[in-house]
Amino acid sequence: MDGDAWTEAVRGSAASYRRMIDGAVAQLSDAELRARPRPGMNSVAVILRHLAGNLLSRWTDFLTTDGEKPDRHREQEFLDWEGDRASLLARFDAGWNALVNALQEIDATTWDRPVFIRGERLTVADATLRALTHIGYHAGQIVLVARLVHDGPWHWLTIPPGGGAPHDRHSAGAAASRDATGEQPAAP
């Protein structure tokens, strides 16, 4: 895979995680968004707050500054969110937009360039893979916590249980998307 194809794959993966996060959050009431399923577990709101802080820190001026910004207060990200839903989602959007904008700066010539996170030297490729892993981990948490706290029917974000055979019949031979949109990916 060449660098440009890799860049597009990274952008596509990030977009898929965002659709999954949005699909889960959209199904939650404000109370469910804040609900911790058990003591010591994070709510969806706390996870979104943490992701927002991480993304803002890592991806703001990511080619020129350390990814752990001095104004980030990571431990506070795990406190209950005191603001309203709109302000939480605006903060998450700001972090996500920092990621999306930074990914627009990456091309085939950028992957080997050095960047720093907490003083650790990484390549752009290493930092990006670390970020996608982190986002994927928390996207899974968001869906799991959302399912645990949600009262009512759940709209499946991937192929629902028992839906494998119908999905396969519908998408035979195609690389059908397994995310919340149900859209077919563009042909290579």
N, C-alpha and C. Protein backbone atom coordinates (compact mmCIF):
# COMPACT_ATOMS: atom_id res chain seq x y z
N MET A 1 0.86 -1.17 0.00
CA MET A 1 0.00 0.00 0.00
C MET A 1 0.90 1.23 0.00
N ASP A 2 0.64 2.16 -0.88
CA ASP A 2 1.46 3.37 -0.91
C ASP A 2 1.00 4.34 0.17
N GLY A 3 1.81 5.38 0.37
CA GLY A 3 1.54 6.34 1.43
C GLY A 3 0.21 7.06 1.30
N ASP A 4 -0.19 7.37 0.07
CA ASP A 4 -1.46 8.06 -0.12
C ASP A 4 -2.64 7.14 0.19
N ALA A 5 -2.53 5.87 -0.20
CA ALA A 5 -3.59 4.91 0.11
C ALA A 5 -3.68 4.71 1.63
N TRP A 6 -2.53 4.66 2.29
CA TRP A 6 -2.50 4.52 3.74
C TRP A 6 -3.16 5.73 4.41
N THR A 7 -2.86 6.91 3.90
CA THR A 7 -3.45 8.13 4.44
C THR A 7 -4.97 8.09 4.34
N GLU A 8 -5.47 7.68 3.21
CA GLU A 8 -6.93 7.59 3.03
C GLU A 8 -7.52 6.51 3.92
N ALA A 9 -6.82 5.41 4.14
CA ALA A 9 -7.31 4.35 5.02
C ALA A 9 -7.40 4.86 6.46
N VAL A 10 -6.43 5.63 6.89
CA VAL A 10 -6.45 6.19 8.24
C VAL A 10 -7.63 7.14 8.38
N ARG A 11 -7.82 8.01 7.42
CA ARG A 11 -8.94 8.95 7.47
C ARG A 11 -10.28 8.20 7.49
N GLY A 12 -10.39 7.15 6.70
CA GLY A 12 -11.61 6.35 6.66
C GLY A 12 -11.88 5.65 7.98
N SER A 13 -10.83 5.11 8.61
CA SER A 13 -10.98 4.46 9.91
C SER A 13 -11.45 5.45 10.97
N ALA A 14 -10.85 6.62 10.98
CA ALA A 14 -11.25 7.64 11.94
C ALA A 14 -12.72 8.01 11.73
N ALA A 15 -13.13 8.19 10.50
CA ALA A 15 -14.52 8.55 10.20
C ALA A 15 -15.47 7.44 10.64
N SER A 16 -15.07 6.19 10.49
CA SER A 16 -15.91 5.07 10.90
C SER A 16 -16.09 5.06 12.42
N TYR A 17 -15.01 5.32 13.17
CA TYR A 17 -15.13 5.41 14.63
C TYR A 17 -16.07 6.55 15.03
N ARG A 18 -15.97 7.65 14.33
CA ARG A 18 -16.83 8.79 14.66
C ARG A 18 -18.30 8.44 14.44
N ARG A 19 -18.59 7.75 13.34
CA ARG A 19 -19.99 7.36 13.09
C ARG A 19 -20.49 6.42 14.20
N MET A 20 -19.62 5.54 14.68
CA MET A 20 -20.03 4.62 15.74
C MET A 20 -20.29 5.38 17.04
N ILE A 21 -19.40 6.30 17.37
CA ILE A 21 -19.58 7.12 18.57
C ILE A 21 -20.87 7.92 18.47
N ASP A 22 -21.07 8.60 17.35
CA ASP A 22 -22.27 9.41 17.17
C ASP A 22 -23.54 8.56 17.22
N GLY A 23 -23.48 7.35 16.63
CA GLY A 23 -24.65 6.47 16.64
C GLY A 23 -25.03 6.03 18.04
N ALA A 24 -24.04 5.80 18.89
CA ALA A 24 -24.32 5.41 20.27
C ALA A 24 -24.84 6.60 21.07
N VAL A 25 -24.17 7.73 20.97
CA VAL A 25 -24.54 8.91 21.75
C VAL A 25 -25.95 9.38 21.40
N ALA A 26 -26.31 9.30 20.13
CA ALA A 26 -27.63 9.76 19.69
C ALA A 26 -28.77 8.98 20.34
N GLN A 27 -28.50 7.76 20.79
CA GLN A 27 -29.54 6.93 21.39
C GLN A 27 -29.73 7.17 22.89
N LEU A 28 -28.88 7.99 23.48
CA LEU A 28 -28.90 8.20 24.92
C LEU A 28 -29.63 9.47 25.32
N SER A 29 -30.39 9.38 26.38
CA SER A 29 -30.96 10.58 26.99
C SER A 29 -29.83 11.32 27.70
N ASP A 30 -30.09 12.53 28.14
CA ASP A 30 -29.09 13.28 28.89
C ASP A 30 -28.69 12.54 30.16
N ALA A 31 -29.66 11.95 30.84
CA ALA A 31 -29.36 11.20 32.06
C ALA A 31 -28.52 9.97 31.75
N GLU A 32 -28.84 9.28 30.67
CA GLU A 32 -28.06 8.09 30.28
C GLU A 32 -26.64 8.47 29.88
N LEU A 33 -26.49 9.62 29.24
CA LEU A 33 -25.17 10.09 28.82
C LEU A 33 -24.25 10.23 30.03
N ARG A 34 -24.82 10.65 31.16
CA ARG A 34 -24.04 10.88 32.38
C ARG A 34 -23.97 9.67 33.31
N ALA A 35 -24.75 8.66 33.03
CA ALA A 35 -24.86 7.52 33.94
C ALA A 35 -23.60 6.65 33.92
N ARG A 36 -23.13 6.34 35.11
CA ARG A 36 -22.03 5.37 35.27
C ARG A 36 -22.69 4.02 35.53
N PRO A 37 -22.39 3.01 34.73
CA PRO A 37 -23.08 1.73 34.90
C PRO A 37 -22.79 1.05 36.24
N ARG A 38 -21.64 1.35 36.82
CA ARG A 38 -21.24 0.83 38.13
C ARG A 38 -20.27 1.83 38.73
N PRO A 39 -20.12 1.80 40.04
CA PRO A 39 -19.08 2.65 40.65
C PRO A 39 -17.71 2.29 40.07
N GLY A 40 -16.93 3.30 39.80
CA GLY A 40 -15.60 3.09 39.25
C GLY A 40 -15.56 2.97 37.74
N MET A 41 -16.71 2.92 37.09
CA MET A 41 -16.76 2.89 35.62
C MET A 41 -17.10 4.29 35.12
N ASN A 42 -16.59 4.61 33.96
CA ASN A 42 -16.85 5.92 33.36
C ASN A 42 -18.19 5.94 32.64
N SER A 43 -18.80 7.10 32.65
CA SER A 43 -20.00 7.33 31.83
C SER A 43 -19.56 7.64 30.41
N VAL A 44 -20.51 7.62 29.50
CA VAL A 44 -20.21 8.03 28.12
C VAL A 44 -19.74 9.48 28.12
N ALA A 45 -20.34 10.34 28.93
CA ALA A 45 -19.92 11.74 28.99
C ALA A 45 -18.47 11.87 29.42
N VAL A 46 -18.06 11.09 30.41
CA VAL A 46 -16.66 11.14 30.87
C VAL A 46 -15.73 10.67 29.77
N ILE A 47 -16.09 9.61 29.07
CA ILE A 47 -15.23 9.10 27.99
C ILE A 47 -15.12 10.14 26.88
N LEU A 48 -16.24 10.78 26.53
CA LEU A 48 -16.20 11.83 25.50
C LEU A 48 -15.31 12.99 25.94
N ARG A 49 -15.43 13.37 27.21
CA ARG A 49 -14.61 14.46 27.74
C ARG A 49 -13.12 14.09 27.65
N HIS A 50 -12.79 12.87 28.03
CA HIS A 50 -11.40 12.41 27.95
C HIS A 50 -10.91 12.39 26.50
N LEU A 51 -11.70 11.84 25.61
CA LEU A 51 -11.30 11.82 24.19
C LEU A 51 -11.10 13.23 23.66
N ALA A 52 -11.99 14.13 24.02
CA ALA A 52 -11.85 15.52 23.59
C ALA A 52 -10.53 16.11 24.06
N GLY A 53 -10.21 15.93 25.33
CA GLY A 53 -8.96 16.45 25.86
C GLY A 53 -7.75 15.85 25.20
N ASN A 54 -7.79 14.53 24.99
CA ASN A 54 -6.68 13.85 24.33
C ASN A 54 -6.50 14.34 22.90
N LEU A 55 -7.59 14.40 22.16
CA LEU A 55 -7.50 14.80 20.75
C LEU A 55 -7.05 16.25 20.61
N LEU A 56 -7.59 17.12 21.44
CA LEU A 56 -7.15 18.52 21.38
C LEU A 56 -5.66 18.64 21.67
N SER A 57 -5.20 17.93 22.68
CA SER A 57 -3.80 18.00 23.06
C SER A 57 -2.90 17.40 21.99
N ARG A 58 -3.23 16.22 21.52
CA ARG A 58 -2.36 15.51 20.58
C ARG A 58 -2.31 16.16 19.20
N TRP A 59 -3.46 16.63 18.73
CA TRP A 59 -3.57 16.99 17.32
C TRP A 59 -3.56 18.48 17.04
N THR A 60 -3.54 19.33 18.04
CA THR A 60 -3.38 20.76 17.82
C THR A 60 -1.90 21.01 17.58
N ASP A 61 -1.56 21.58 16.44
CA ASP A 61 -0.16 21.84 16.07
C ASP A 61 0.70 20.60 16.24
N PHE A 62 0.18 19.45 15.80
CA PHE A 62 0.84 18.18 16.07
C PHE A 62 2.20 18.03 15.41
N LEU A 63 2.46 18.73 14.33
CA LEU A 63 3.77 18.62 13.67
C LEU A 63 4.83 19.50 14.32
N THR A 64 4.41 20.46 15.14
CA THR A 64 5.38 21.44 15.65
C THR A 64 5.45 21.52 17.17
N THR A 65 4.50 20.91 17.89
CA THR A 65 4.53 20.98 19.36
C THR A 65 4.34 19.59 19.94
N ASP A 66 4.78 19.40 21.18
CA ASP A 66 4.58 18.13 21.85
C ASP A 66 3.09 17.86 21.98
N GLY A 67 2.71 16.59 21.82
CA GLY A 67 1.30 16.20 21.86
C GLY A 67 0.66 16.26 23.23
N GLU A 68 1.45 16.44 24.27
CA GLU A 68 0.88 16.62 25.61
C GLU A 68 1.05 18.09 25.95
N LYS A 69 0.01 18.87 25.71
CA LYS A 69 0.08 20.32 25.90
C LYS A 69 0.08 20.67 27.39
N PRO A 70 0.78 21.74 27.76
CA PRO A 70 0.86 22.10 29.18
C PRO A 70 -0.47 22.52 29.79
N ASP A 71 -1.46 22.91 28.97
CA ASP A 71 -2.74 23.33 29.53
C ASP A 71 -3.75 22.17 29.63
N ARG A 72 -3.32 20.96 29.28
CA ARG A 72 -4.21 19.81 29.43
C ARG A 72 -4.16 19.33 30.89
N HIS A 73 -5.32 19.01 31.40
CA HIS A 73 -5.43 18.48 32.77
C HIS A 73 -6.14 17.13 32.67
N ARG A 74 -5.37 16.11 32.33
CA ARG A 74 -5.91 14.78 32.04
C ARG A 74 -6.77 14.24 33.17
N GLU A 75 -6.33 14.35 34.39
CA GLU A 75 -7.07 13.76 35.49
C GLU A 75 -8.46 14.37 35.65
N GLN A 76 -8.61 15.64 35.32
CA GLN A 76 -9.92 16.29 35.40
C GLN A 76 -10.89 15.75 34.35
N GLU A 77 -10.35 15.18 33.28
CA GLU A 77 -11.20 14.62 32.23
C GLU A 77 -12.05 13.45 32.74
N PHE A 78 -11.65 12.85 33.85
CA PHE A 78 -12.36 11.69 34.38
C PHE A 78 -13.36 12.03 35.48
N LEU A 79 -13.55 13.32 35.71
CA LEU A 79 -14.58 13.77 36.65
C LEU A 79 -15.91 13.85 35.91
N ASP A 80 -17.01 13.76 36.65
CA ASP A 80 -18.31 13.88 36.01
C ASP A 80 -18.42 15.21 35.27
N TRP A 81 -19.03 15.17 34.11
CA TRP A 81 -19.24 16.38 33.30
C TRP A 81 -20.33 17.22 33.95
N GLU A 82 -20.01 18.47 34.25
CA GLU A 82 -20.97 19.36 34.93
C GLU A 82 -21.76 20.22 33.96
N GLY A 83 -21.29 20.34 32.72
CA GLY A 83 -21.98 21.17 31.75
C GLY A 83 -23.15 20.44 31.12
N ASP A 84 -23.74 21.07 30.13
CA ASP A 84 -24.87 20.45 29.44
C ASP A 84 -24.37 19.61 28.27
N ARG A 85 -25.30 18.89 27.66
CA ARG A 85 -24.98 17.99 26.54
C ARG A 85 -24.35 18.77 25.38
N ALA A 86 -24.93 19.92 25.05
CA ALA A 86 -24.44 20.69 23.91
C ALA A 86 -22.99 21.12 24.12
N SER A 87 -22.64 21.55 25.33
CA SER A 87 -21.26 21.99 25.56
C SER A 87 -20.30 20.80 25.56
N LEU A 88 -20.74 19.64 26.04
CA LEU A 88 -19.90 18.44 25.97
C LEU A 88 -19.64 18.05 24.52
N LEU A 89 -20.70 18.02 23.73
CA LEU A 89 -20.54 17.64 22.33
C LEU A 89 -19.74 18.67 21.55
N ALA A 90 -19.86 19.94 21.91
CA ALA A 90 -19.04 20.98 21.27
C ALA A 90 -17.56 20.77 21.59
N ARG A 91 -17.27 20.41 22.84
CA ARG A 91 -15.88 20.12 23.23
C ARG A 91 -15.36 18.90 22.48
N PHE A 92 -16.17 17.85 22.42
CA PHE A 92 -15.77 16.67 21.68
C PHE A 92 -15.54 17.00 20.21
N ASP A 93 -16.45 17.78 19.62
CA ASP A 93 -16.29 18.20 18.22
C ASP A 93 -14.99 18.97 18.02
N ALA A 94 -14.63 19.83 18.96
CA ALA A 94 -13.38 20.60 18.85
C ALA A 94 -12.18 19.66 18.82
N GLY A 95 -12.18 18.67 19.69
CA GLY A 95 -11.10 17.69 19.69
C GLY A 95 -11.09 16.88 18.40
N TRP A 96 -12.26 16.44 17.98
CA TRP A 96 -12.35 15.65 16.76
C TRP A 96 -11.90 16.47 15.55
N ASN A 97 -12.30 17.73 15.51
CA ASN A 97 -11.89 18.59 14.39
C ASN A 97 -10.38 18.81 14.37
N ALA A 98 -9.75 18.85 15.54
CA ALA A 98 -8.29 18.95 15.58
C ALA A 98 -7.67 17.73 14.90
N LEU A 99 -8.22 16.55 15.19
CA LEU A 99 -7.74 15.33 14.54
C LEU A 99 -7.96 15.39 13.03
N VAL A 100 -9.18 15.69 12.62
CA VAL A 100 -9.51 15.71 11.19
C VAL A 100 -8.63 16.72 10.45
N ASN A 101 -8.46 17.90 11.02
CA ASN A 101 -7.62 18.92 10.37
C ASN A 101 -6.18 18.46 10.27
N ALA A 102 -5.68 17.82 11.34
CA ALA A 102 -4.30 17.33 11.31
C ALA A 102 -4.14 16.23 10.28
N LEU A 103 -5.12 15.34 10.17
CA LEU A 103 -5.03 14.27 9.18
C LEU A 103 -5.04 14.82 7.76
N GLN A 104 -5.61 16.00 7.57
CA GLN A 104 -5.57 16.63 6.25
C GLN A 104 -4.16 17.12 5.91
N GLU A 105 -3.33 17.33 6.93
CA GLU A 105 -1.94 17.76 6.71
C GLU A 105 -1.01 16.60 6.37
N ILE A 106 -1.48 15.38 6.59
CA ILE A 106 -0.65 14.20 6.37
C ILE A 106 -0.79 13.75 4.93
N ASP A 107 0.34 13.42 4.33
CA ASP A 107 0.35 12.81 3.00
C ASP A 107 1.48 11.78 2.97
N ALA A 108 1.74 11.23 1.81
CA ALA A 108 2.75 10.17 1.67
C ALA A 108 4.13 10.62 2.13
N THR A 109 4.40 11.92 2.11
CA THR A 109 5.74 12.40 2.49
C THR A 109 5.87 12.68 3.98
N THR A 110 4.78 12.59 4.71
CA THR A 110 4.75 13.00 6.11
C THR A 110 4.93 11.85 7.10
N TRP A 111 4.63 10.62 6.72
CA TRP A 111 4.56 9.51 7.65
C TRP A 111 5.84 9.29 8.47
N ASP A 112 6.99 9.54 7.88
CA ASP A 112 8.26 9.31 8.60
C ASP A 112 8.72 10.52 9.40
N ARG A 113 8.02 11.60 9.31
CA ARG A 113 8.42 12.82 10.02
C ARG A 113 8.31 12.62 11.54
N PRO A 114 9.26 13.17 12.31
CA PRO A 114 9.18 12.99 13.76
C PRO A 114 8.18 13.95 14.41
N VAL A 115 7.50 13.44 15.45
CA VAL A 115 6.64 14.22 16.33
C VAL A 115 6.93 13.74 17.75
N PHE A 116 6.46 14.50 18.73
CA PHE A 116 6.72 14.15 20.12
C PHE A 116 5.42 14.11 20.92
N ILE A 117 5.33 13.11 21.81
CA ILE A 117 4.23 13.01 22.77
C ILE A 117 4.87 12.75 24.12
N ARG A 118 4.68 13.70 25.05
CA ARG A 118 5.30 13.63 26.37
C ARG A 118 6.81 13.42 26.27
N GLY A 119 7.39 14.10 25.29
CA GLY A 119 8.83 14.04 25.09
C GLY A 119 9.32 12.82 24.34
N GLU A 120 8.46 11.86 24.08
CA GLU A 120 8.84 10.65 23.35
C GLU A 120 8.79 10.94 21.85
N ARG A 121 9.89 10.64 21.18
CA ARG A 121 9.96 10.85 19.73
C ARG A 121 9.27 9.69 19.02
N LEU A 122 8.33 10.03 18.17
CA LEU A 122 7.60 9.06 17.36
C LEU A 122 7.59 9.55 15.92
N THR A 123 7.28 8.68 15.00
CA THR A 123 7.00 9.13 13.64
C THR A 123 5.52 9.51 13.59
N VAL A 124 5.15 10.26 12.58
CA VAL A 124 3.74 10.59 12.37
C VAL A 124 2.93 9.29 12.26
N ALA A 125 3.50 8.29 11.57
CA ALA A 125 2.81 7.00 11.43
C ALA A 125 2.57 6.36 12.79
N ASP A 126 3.59 6.32 13.65
CA ASP A 126 3.44 5.74 14.99
C ASP A 126 2.40 6.50 15.81
N ALA A 127 2.47 7.82 15.79
CA ALA A 127 1.53 8.64 16.57
C ALA A 127 0.10 8.44 16.07
N THR A 128 -0.05 8.31 14.77
CA THR A 128 -1.38 8.13 14.19
C THR A 128 -1.96 6.77 14.54
N LEU A 129 -1.14 5.73 14.45
CA LEU A 129 -1.62 4.40 14.84
C LEU A 129 -1.97 4.36 16.32
N ARG A 130 -1.17 5.00 17.15
CA ARG A 130 -1.46 5.08 18.58
C ARG A 130 -2.81 5.77 18.79
N ALA A 131 -3.04 6.85 18.06
CA ALA A 131 -4.30 7.59 18.20
C ALA A 131 -5.49 6.75 17.75
N LEU A 132 -5.38 6.07 16.61
CA LEU A 132 -6.49 5.25 16.14
C LEU A 132 -6.80 4.11 17.11
N THR A 133 -5.77 3.53 17.70
CA THR A 133 -5.97 2.48 18.70
C THR A 133 -6.70 3.04 19.91
N HIS A 134 -6.28 4.21 20.36
CA HIS A 134 -6.90 4.86 21.51
C HIS A 134 -8.37 5.19 21.21
N ILE A 135 -8.63 5.74 20.05
CA ILE A 135 -10.00 6.09 19.67
C ILE A 135 -10.85 4.82 19.57
N GLY A 136 -10.32 3.78 18.94
CA GLY A 136 -11.06 2.52 18.80
C GLY A 136 -11.41 1.91 20.15
N TYR A 137 -10.44 1.95 21.06
CA TYR A 137 -10.66 1.44 22.42
C TYR A 137 -11.81 2.19 23.08
N HIS A 138 -11.79 3.50 23.00
CA HIS A 138 -12.83 4.29 23.66
C HIS A 138 -14.16 4.23 22.90
N ALA A 139 -14.13 4.08 21.58
CA ALA A 139 -15.38 3.91 20.84
C ALA A 139 -16.09 2.63 21.31
N GLY A 140 -15.33 1.56 21.50
CA GLY A 140 -15.90 0.33 22.03
C GLY A 140 -16.46 0.51 23.42
N GLN A 141 -15.73 1.25 24.26
CA GLN A 141 -16.24 1.53 25.61
C GLN A 141 -17.54 2.31 25.55
N ILE A 142 -17.59 3.31 24.69
CA ILE A 142 -18.79 4.14 24.57
C ILE A 142 -19.99 3.27 24.20
N VAL A 143 -19.82 2.40 23.23
CA VAL A 143 -20.94 1.54 22.82
C VAL A 143 -21.33 0.60 23.95
N LEU A 144 -20.37 -0.01 24.63
CA LEU A 144 -20.68 -0.92 25.72
C LEU A 144 -21.39 -0.19 26.87
N VAL A 145 -20.86 0.94 27.29
CA VAL A 145 -21.48 1.68 28.38
C VAL A 145 -22.87 2.17 27.95
N ALA A 146 -22.99 2.62 26.73
CA ALA A 146 -24.29 3.07 26.24
C ALA A 146 -25.31 1.95 26.30
N ARG A 147 -24.92 0.76 25.89
CA ARG A 147 -25.83 -0.40 25.94
C ARG A 147 -26.22 -0.73 27.37
N LEU A 148 -25.28 -0.58 28.31
CA LEU A 148 -25.55 -0.90 29.71
C LEU A 148 -26.51 0.09 30.37
N VAL A 149 -26.43 1.35 30.00
CA VAL A 149 -27.24 2.37 30.68
C VAL A 149 -28.52 2.72 29.92
N HIS A 150 -28.62 2.32 28.67
CA HIS A 150 -29.78 2.71 27.84
C HIS A 150 -31.01 1.89 28.21
N ASP A 151 -32.12 2.59 28.38
CA ASP A 151 -33.39 1.95 28.67
C ASP A 151 -34.26 2.08 27.42
N GLY A 152 -34.50 0.98 26.77
CA GLY A 152 -35.31 1.02 25.56
C GLY A 152 -34.64 0.25 24.45
N PRO A 153 -35.29 0.23 23.28
CA PRO A 153 -34.71 -0.51 22.16
C PRO A 153 -33.38 0.09 21.73
N TRP A 154 -32.51 -0.75 21.20
CA TRP A 154 -31.19 -0.33 20.75
C TRP A 154 -31.10 -0.47 19.24
N HIS A 155 -30.63 0.58 18.59
CA HIS A 155 -30.36 0.52 17.15
C HIS A 155 -28.93 0.02 16.98
N TRP A 156 -28.78 -1.15 16.42
CA TRP A 156 -27.45 -1.75 16.26
C TRP A 156 -26.58 -0.91 15.35
N LEU A 157 -25.33 -0.77 15.71
CA LEU A 157 -24.38 0.05 14.96
C LEU A 157 -23.54 -0.78 14.00
N THR A 158 -23.61 -2.09 14.15
CA THR A 158 -22.95 -3.04 13.26
C THR A 158 -23.99 -4.09 12.89
N ILE A 159 -23.57 -5.18 12.34
CA ILE A 159 -24.50 -6.25 11.98
C ILE A 159 -25.10 -6.80 13.27
N PRO A 160 -26.44 -6.80 13.40
CA PRO A 160 -27.06 -7.26 14.65
C PRO A 160 -26.95 -8.78 14.80
N PRO A 161 -27.07 -9.25 16.03
CA PRO A 161 -27.09 -10.69 16.23
C PRO A 161 -28.19 -11.32 15.36
N GLY A 162 -27.86 -12.40 14.70
CA GLY A 162 -28.80 -13.06 13.80
C GLY A 162 -28.87 -12.43 12.43
N GLY A 163 -28.14 -11.35 12.23
CA GLY A 163 -28.20 -10.65 10.95
C GLY A 163 -27.06 -10.97 10.00
N GLY A 164 -26.19 -11.89 10.39
CA GLY A 164 -25.03 -12.21 9.56
C GLY A 164 -25.39 -12.78 8.20
N ALA A 165 -26.26 -13.79 8.19
CA ALA A 165 -26.63 -14.43 6.92
C ALA A 165 -27.35 -13.45 5.99
N PRO A 166 -28.37 -12.70 6.49
CA PRO A 166 -29.00 -11.73 5.59
C PRO A 166 -28.00 -10.68 5.07
N HIS A 167 -27.11 -10.26 5.95
CA HIS A 167 -26.10 -9.28 5.52
C HIS A 167 -25.22 -9.87 4.43
N ASP A 168 -24.78 -11.11 4.63
CA ASP A 168 -23.91 -11.75 3.64
C ASP A 168 -24.63 -11.93 2.31
N ARG A 169 -25.92 -12.30 2.35
CA ARG A 169 -26.68 -12.45 1.10
C ARG A 169 -26.80 -11.11 0.38
N HIS A 170 -27.01 -10.04 1.15
CA HIS A 170 -27.17 -8.71 0.57
C HIS A 170 -25.85 -8.18 0.00
N SER A 171 -24.76 -8.52 0.66
CA SER A 171 -23.48 -7.92 0.27
C SER A 171 -22.52 -8.93 -0.32
N ALA A 172 -23.02 -10.06 -0.82
CA ALA A 172 -22.14 -11.11 -1.36
C ALA A 172 -21.17 -10.53 -2.37
N GLY A 173 -19.89 -10.74 -2.11
CA GLY A 173 -18.85 -10.27 -3.01
C GLY A 173 -18.46 -8.83 -2.82
N ALA A 174 -19.16 -8.12 -1.98
CA ALA A 174 -18.85 -6.70 -1.75
C ALA A 174 -18.23 -6.54 -0.37
N ALA A 175 -17.37 -5.55 -0.24
CA ALA A 175 -16.78 -5.24 1.07
C ALA A 175 -17.70 -4.28 1.79
N ALA A 176 -18.85 -4.79 2.25
CA ALA A 176 -19.86 -3.93 2.87
C ALA A 176 -19.32 -3.30 4.14
N SER A 177 -19.65 -2.06 4.33
CA SER A 177 -19.24 -1.36 5.54
C SER A 177 -19.95 -1.98 6.74
N ARG A 178 -19.23 -2.07 7.88
CA ARG A 178 -19.81 -2.66 9.08
C ARG A 178 -19.99 -1.56 10.13
N ASP A 179 -20.20 -0.32 9.70
CA ASP A 179 -20.37 0.74 10.67
C ASP A 179 -21.81 1.24 10.65
N ALA A 180 -22.03 2.28 11.39
CA ALA A 180 -23.39 2.77 11.66
C ALA A 180 -24.12 3.24 10.41
N THR A 181 -23.42 3.58 9.35
CA THR A 181 -24.10 4.12 8.19
C THR A 181 -24.70 3.04 7.31
N GLY A 182 -24.10 1.83 7.32
CA GLY A 182 -24.55 0.77 6.44
C GLY A 182 -24.22 1.04 4.99
N GLU A 183 -23.45 2.08 4.71
CA GLU A 183 -23.09 2.42 3.33
C GLU A 183 -22.00 1.50 2.82
N GLN A 184 -22.03 1.26 1.53
CA GLN A 184 -20.97 0.51 0.90
C GLN A 184 -19.76 1.43 0.71
N PRO A 185 -18.55 0.94 1.00
CA PRO A 185 -17.38 1.78 0.75
C PRO A 185 -17.16 1.94 -0.75
N ALA A 186 -16.48 2.99 -1.13
CA ALA A 186 -16.16 3.23 -2.54
C ALA A 186 -15.25 2.12 -3.04
N ALA A 187 -15.42 1.74 -4.27
CA ALA A 187 -14.58 0.71 -4.87
C ALA A 187 -13.14 1.22 -4.96
N PRO A 188 -12.16 0.30 -4.77
CA PRO A 188 -10.76 0.74 -4.84
C PRO A 188 -10.35 1.18 -6.21
